[in-house]
Amino acid sequence: MDIRTVPLPEVWSLRHSVMYPDYSADVVKLEDDEQGMHLGIYKAGELVSVVSVFLQEREIQFRKIATRKDWQGKGLATTLLNYINHLAQQKKSTKALV
């Protein structure tokens, strides 16, 4: 599985197309997106799933998980959450869900 960091424009594009396609593209931007780490799964060079992760002291918070509709139901979001859980264990962080 190819999990890597994702540039914000790609994050916003996927969020918009999956989560809020009928709204302005600005609605998908989080106030603190610039401080976050954005992880995604790529298939054939295309971003198909993304999650945004925010580190605050010993807490890892994830928000805005989005998976392209044609890739939903294949466990990609679960893979990203497991990856974040692994990061939290490495950093001995607590986990928070929002």
N, C-alpha and C. Protein backbone atom coordinates (compact mmCIF):
# COMPACT_ATOMS: atom_id res chain seq x y z
N MET A 1 0.85 -1.18 0.00
CA MET A 1 0.00 0.00 0.00
C MET A 1 0.90 1.23 0.00
N ASP A 2 0.64 2.16 -0.88
CA ASP A 2 1.44 3.37 -1.02
C ASP A 2 0.82 4.50 -0.20
N ILE A 3 1.25 4.64 1.06
CA ILE A 3 0.79 5.73 1.92
C ILE A 3 1.89 6.76 1.97
N ARG A 4 1.51 8.02 1.68
CA ARG A 4 2.50 9.09 1.72
C ARG A 4 1.81 10.42 2.02
N THR A 5 2.63 11.43 2.27
CA THR A 5 2.06 12.75 2.53
C THR A 5 1.46 13.31 1.24
N VAL A 6 0.44 14.12 1.43
CA VAL A 6 -0.33 14.64 0.30
C VAL A 6 -0.29 16.17 0.35
N PRO A 7 -0.01 16.82 -0.77
CA PRO A 7 -0.05 18.29 -0.80
C PRO A 7 -1.48 18.79 -0.57
N LEU A 8 -1.60 19.92 0.12
CA LEU A 8 -2.92 20.45 0.46
C LEU A 8 -3.86 20.61 -0.72
N PRO A 9 -3.43 21.10 -1.86
CA PRO A 9 -4.40 21.22 -2.97
C PRO A 9 -5.05 19.88 -3.34
N GLU A 10 -4.30 18.79 -3.27
CA GLU A 10 -4.87 17.47 -3.56
C GLU A 10 -5.82 17.02 -2.45
N VAL A 11 -5.46 17.33 -1.20
CA VAL A 11 -6.33 17.02 -0.06
C VAL A 11 -7.66 17.72 -0.25
N TRP A 12 -7.61 19.02 -0.50
CA TRP A 12 -8.84 19.80 -0.64
C TRP A 12 -9.68 19.32 -1.81
N SER A 13 -9.03 18.97 -2.90
CA SER A 13 -9.76 18.50 -4.08
C SER A 13 -10.52 17.20 -3.78
N LEU A 14 -9.86 16.24 -3.12
CA LEU A 14 -10.53 14.98 -2.80
C LEU A 14 -11.64 15.19 -1.77
N ARG A 15 -11.35 15.97 -0.72
CA ARG A 15 -12.38 16.26 0.27
C ARG A 15 -13.61 16.86 -0.42
N HIS A 16 -13.37 17.83 -1.29
CA HIS A 16 -14.48 18.52 -1.94
C HIS A 16 -15.31 17.56 -2.79
N SER A 17 -14.65 16.76 -3.60
CA SER A 17 -15.39 15.86 -4.50
C SER A 17 -16.15 14.78 -3.75
N VAL A 18 -15.64 14.35 -2.59
CA VAL A 18 -16.28 13.26 -1.85
C VAL A 18 -17.27 13.77 -0.80
N MET A 19 -16.86 14.78 -0.04
CA MET A 19 -17.63 15.17 1.13
C MET A 19 -18.64 16.30 0.88
N TYR A 20 -18.27 17.25 0.04
CA TYR A 20 -19.11 18.44 -0.13
C TYR A 20 -19.18 18.88 -1.60
N PRO A 21 -19.53 18.01 -2.51
CA PRO A 21 -19.49 18.37 -3.93
C PRO A 21 -20.45 19.49 -4.33
N ASP A 22 -21.49 19.70 -3.55
CA ASP A 22 -22.48 20.72 -3.89
C ASP A 22 -22.21 22.08 -3.24
N TYR A 23 -21.07 22.19 -2.56
CA TYR A 23 -20.73 23.43 -1.86
C TYR A 23 -19.48 24.04 -2.46
N SER A 24 -19.20 25.25 -2.05
CA SER A 24 -17.97 25.93 -2.47
C SER A 24 -16.76 25.09 -2.03
N ALA A 25 -15.71 25.13 -2.82
CA ALA A 25 -14.50 24.37 -2.49
C ALA A 25 -13.88 24.84 -1.17
N ASP A 26 -14.11 26.08 -0.78
CA ASP A 26 -13.53 26.59 0.46
C ASP A 26 -14.10 25.93 1.70
N VAL A 27 -15.26 25.32 1.62
CA VAL A 27 -15.89 24.71 2.78
C VAL A 27 -15.07 23.52 3.31
N VAL A 28 -14.21 22.94 2.50
CA VAL A 28 -13.44 21.77 2.92
C VAL A 28 -12.14 22.12 3.63
N LYS A 29 -11.79 23.38 3.64
CA LYS A 29 -10.53 23.81 4.24
C LYS A 29 -10.69 24.00 5.74
N LEU A 30 -9.80 23.36 6.49
CA LEU A 30 -9.79 23.52 7.94
C LEU A 30 -8.88 24.69 8.29
N GLU A 31 -9.23 25.38 9.37
CA GLU A 31 -8.45 26.54 9.79
C GLU A 31 -6.98 26.21 10.02
N ASP A 32 -6.71 25.01 10.53
CA ASP A 32 -5.33 24.64 10.85
C ASP A 32 -4.74 23.61 9.87
N ASP A 33 -5.29 23.51 8.69
CA ASP A 33 -4.76 22.57 7.69
C ASP A 33 -3.26 22.74 7.44
N GLU A 34 -2.80 23.98 7.47
CA GLU A 34 -1.37 24.24 7.22
C GLU A 34 -0.47 23.58 8.26
N GLN A 35 -0.98 23.36 9.47
CA GLN A 35 -0.19 22.74 10.53
C GLN A 35 -0.34 21.22 10.57
N GLY A 36 -1.23 20.69 9.79
CA GLY A 36 -1.50 19.26 9.83
C GLY A 36 -0.58 18.45 8.94
N MET A 37 -0.65 17.16 9.14
CA MET A 37 0.03 16.19 8.27
C MET A 37 -1.10 15.48 7.53
N HIS A 38 -1.00 15.43 6.23
CA HIS A 38 -2.07 14.87 5.41
C HIS A 38 -1.52 13.62 4.72
N LEU A 39 -2.13 12.49 5.05
CA LEU A 39 -1.67 11.20 4.54
C LEU A 39 -2.68 10.64 3.56
N GLY A 40 -2.18 10.05 2.50
CA GLY A 40 -3.09 9.52 1.51
C GLY A 40 -2.60 8.21 0.92
N ILE A 41 -3.53 7.54 0.30
CA ILE A 41 -3.23 6.31 -0.43
C ILE A 41 -3.39 6.61 -1.91
N TYR A 42 -2.39 6.23 -2.66
CA TYR A 42 -2.39 6.43 -4.10
C TYR A 42 -2.50 5.08 -4.80
N LYS A 43 -3.29 5.04 -5.84
CA LYS A 43 -3.41 3.87 -6.71
C LYS A 43 -3.17 4.34 -8.13
N ALA A 44 -2.25 3.70 -8.81
CA ALA A 44 -1.89 4.08 -10.18
C ALA A 44 -1.59 5.57 -10.28
N GLY A 45 -0.93 6.10 -9.25
CA GLY A 45 -0.53 7.50 -9.26
C GLY A 45 -1.62 8.49 -8.90
N GLU A 46 -2.83 8.02 -8.60
CA GLU A 46 -3.93 8.91 -8.27
C GLU A 46 -4.30 8.78 -6.80
N LEU A 47 -4.54 9.92 -6.16
CA LEU A 47 -4.98 9.93 -4.77
C LEU A 47 -6.39 9.36 -4.68
N VAL A 48 -6.57 8.33 -3.85
CA VAL A 48 -7.89 7.71 -3.72
C VAL A 48 -8.46 7.80 -2.31
N SER A 49 -7.61 8.05 -1.32
CA SER A 49 -8.08 8.18 0.05
C SER A 49 -7.13 9.08 0.82
N VAL A 50 -7.69 9.91 1.70
CA VAL A 50 -6.87 10.86 2.45
C VAL A 50 -7.42 11.05 3.85
N VAL A 51 -6.52 11.34 4.78
CA VAL A 51 -6.89 11.69 6.15
C VAL A 51 -5.94 12.79 6.61
N SER A 52 -6.47 13.69 7.42
CA SER A 52 -5.66 14.78 7.96
C SER A 52 -5.39 14.49 9.43
N VAL A 53 -4.13 14.68 9.82
CA VAL A 53 -3.67 14.33 11.15
C VAL A 53 -3.05 15.57 11.79
N PHE A 54 -3.41 15.79 13.06
CA PHE A 54 -2.90 16.95 13.77
C PHE A 54 -2.27 16.48 15.07
N LEU A 55 -1.03 16.90 15.31
CA LEU A 55 -0.28 16.52 16.50
C LEU A 55 -0.29 17.69 17.46
N GLN A 56 -0.70 17.43 18.69
CA GLN A 56 -0.69 18.44 19.74
C GLN A 56 -0.18 17.79 21.00
N GLU A 57 1.03 18.15 21.37
CA GLU A 57 1.70 17.55 22.52
C GLU A 57 1.69 16.04 22.37
N ARG A 58 0.97 15.32 23.24
CA ARG A 58 0.96 13.86 23.16
C ARG A 58 -0.31 13.33 22.54
N GLU A 59 -1.03 14.16 21.85
CA GLU A 59 -2.30 13.75 21.27
C GLU A 59 -2.21 13.79 19.74
N ILE A 60 -2.73 12.74 19.14
CA ILE A 60 -2.86 12.70 17.69
C ILE A 60 -4.34 12.72 17.38
N GLN A 61 -4.73 13.68 16.58
CA GLN A 61 -6.14 13.83 16.22
C GLN A 61 -6.27 13.68 14.71
N PHE A 62 -7.24 12.93 14.27
CA PHE A 62 -7.45 12.83 12.83
C PHE A 62 -8.83 13.38 12.49
N ARG A 63 -8.89 13.99 11.29
CA ARG A 63 -10.12 14.61 10.83
C ARG A 63 -10.24 14.47 9.33
N LYS A 64 -11.45 14.57 8.84
CA LYS A 64 -11.73 14.66 7.41
C LYS A 64 -11.16 13.49 6.60
N ILE A 65 -11.61 12.31 6.90
CA ILE A 65 -11.24 11.15 6.10
C ILE A 65 -12.14 11.14 4.86
N ALA A 66 -11.51 11.00 3.71
CA ALA A 66 -12.29 10.97 2.46
C ALA A 66 -11.70 9.91 1.54
N THR A 67 -12.57 9.11 0.94
CA THR A 67 -12.17 8.10 -0.02
C THR A 67 -13.02 8.27 -1.28
N ARG A 68 -12.36 8.28 -2.42
CA ARG A 68 -13.09 8.39 -3.68
C ARG A 68 -14.19 7.34 -3.72
N LYS A 69 -15.35 7.73 -4.25
CA LYS A 69 -16.51 6.83 -4.25
C LYS A 69 -16.22 5.48 -4.92
N ASP A 70 -15.44 5.48 -5.99
CA ASP A 70 -15.15 4.22 -6.68
C ASP A 70 -14.16 3.34 -5.92
N TRP A 71 -13.60 3.84 -4.80
CA TRP A 71 -12.69 3.05 -3.98
C TRP A 71 -13.27 2.78 -2.59
N GLN A 72 -14.46 3.26 -2.30
CA GLN A 72 -15.05 3.04 -0.98
C GLN A 72 -15.40 1.56 -0.79
N GLY A 73 -15.36 1.14 0.46
CA GLY A 73 -15.71 -0.24 0.80
C GLY A 73 -14.57 -1.23 0.60
N LYS A 74 -13.38 -0.72 0.35
CA LYS A 74 -12.22 -1.60 0.11
C LYS A 74 -11.20 -1.55 1.26
N GLY A 75 -11.57 -0.88 2.37
CA GLY A 75 -10.70 -0.86 3.55
C GLY A 75 -9.61 0.19 3.54
N LEU A 76 -9.67 1.15 2.63
CA LEU A 76 -8.60 2.15 2.54
C LEU A 76 -8.60 3.08 3.75
N ALA A 77 -9.76 3.56 4.18
CA ALA A 77 -9.82 4.42 5.36
C ALA A 77 -9.34 3.66 6.60
N THR A 78 -9.71 2.40 6.71
CA THR A 78 -9.23 1.57 7.82
C THR A 78 -7.71 1.45 7.78
N THR A 79 -7.15 1.28 6.60
CA THR A 79 -5.69 1.21 6.46
C THR A 79 -5.04 2.50 6.94
N LEU A 80 -5.62 3.65 6.57
CA LEU A 80 -5.07 4.93 7.02
C LEU A 80 -5.19 5.07 8.54
N LEU A 81 -6.31 4.67 9.12
CA LEU A 81 -6.46 4.76 10.57
C LEU A 81 -5.50 3.82 11.29
N ASN A 82 -5.28 2.64 10.76
CA ASN A 82 -4.30 1.73 11.35
C ASN A 82 -2.89 2.32 11.28
N TYR A 83 -2.59 2.99 10.19
CA TYR A 83 -1.30 3.65 10.02
C TYR A 83 -1.12 4.75 11.08
N ILE A 84 -2.17 5.54 11.30
CA ILE A 84 -2.12 6.59 12.32
C ILE A 84 -1.97 5.98 13.70
N ASN A 85 -2.67 4.89 13.96
CA ASN A 85 -2.55 4.20 15.25
C ASN A 85 -1.11 3.74 15.47
N HIS A 86 -0.50 3.23 14.43
CA HIS A 86 0.90 2.80 14.51
C HIS A 86 1.80 4.00 14.83
N LEU A 87 1.55 5.14 14.18
CA LEU A 87 2.33 6.35 14.47
C LEU A 87 2.17 6.75 15.93
N ALA A 88 0.94 6.69 16.43
CA ALA A 88 0.66 7.06 17.82
C ALA A 88 1.42 6.15 18.78
N GLN A 89 1.45 4.86 18.48
CA GLN A 89 2.18 3.92 19.34
C GLN A 89 3.67 4.22 19.32
N GLN A 90 4.20 4.57 18.15
CA GLN A 90 5.62 4.90 18.05
C GLN A 90 5.96 6.14 18.87
N LYS A 91 5.07 7.11 18.86
CA LYS A 91 5.29 8.37 19.57
C LYS A 91 4.77 8.32 21.00
N LYS A 92 4.20 7.16 21.38
CA LYS A 92 3.60 6.99 22.69
C LYS A 92 2.57 8.09 22.96
N SER A 93 1.77 8.35 21.95
CA SER A 93 0.75 9.37 22.02
C SER A 93 -0.57 8.77 22.47
N THR A 94 -1.44 9.63 22.93
CA THR A 94 -2.81 9.24 23.14
C THR A 94 -3.53 9.51 21.83
N LYS A 95 -4.71 8.95 21.67
CA LYS A 95 -5.45 9.15 20.43
C LYS A 95 -6.76 9.87 20.74
N ALA A 96 -7.13 10.76 19.87
CA ALA A 96 -8.41 11.46 20.01
C ALA A 96 -9.18 11.36 18.72
N LEU A 97 -10.44 11.17 18.81
CA LEU A 97 -11.30 11.12 17.62
C LEU A 97 -12.15 12.37 17.57
N VAL A 98 -12.21 12.99 16.43
CA VAL A 98 -13.08 14.15 16.24
C VAL A 98 -13.85 13.96 14.95
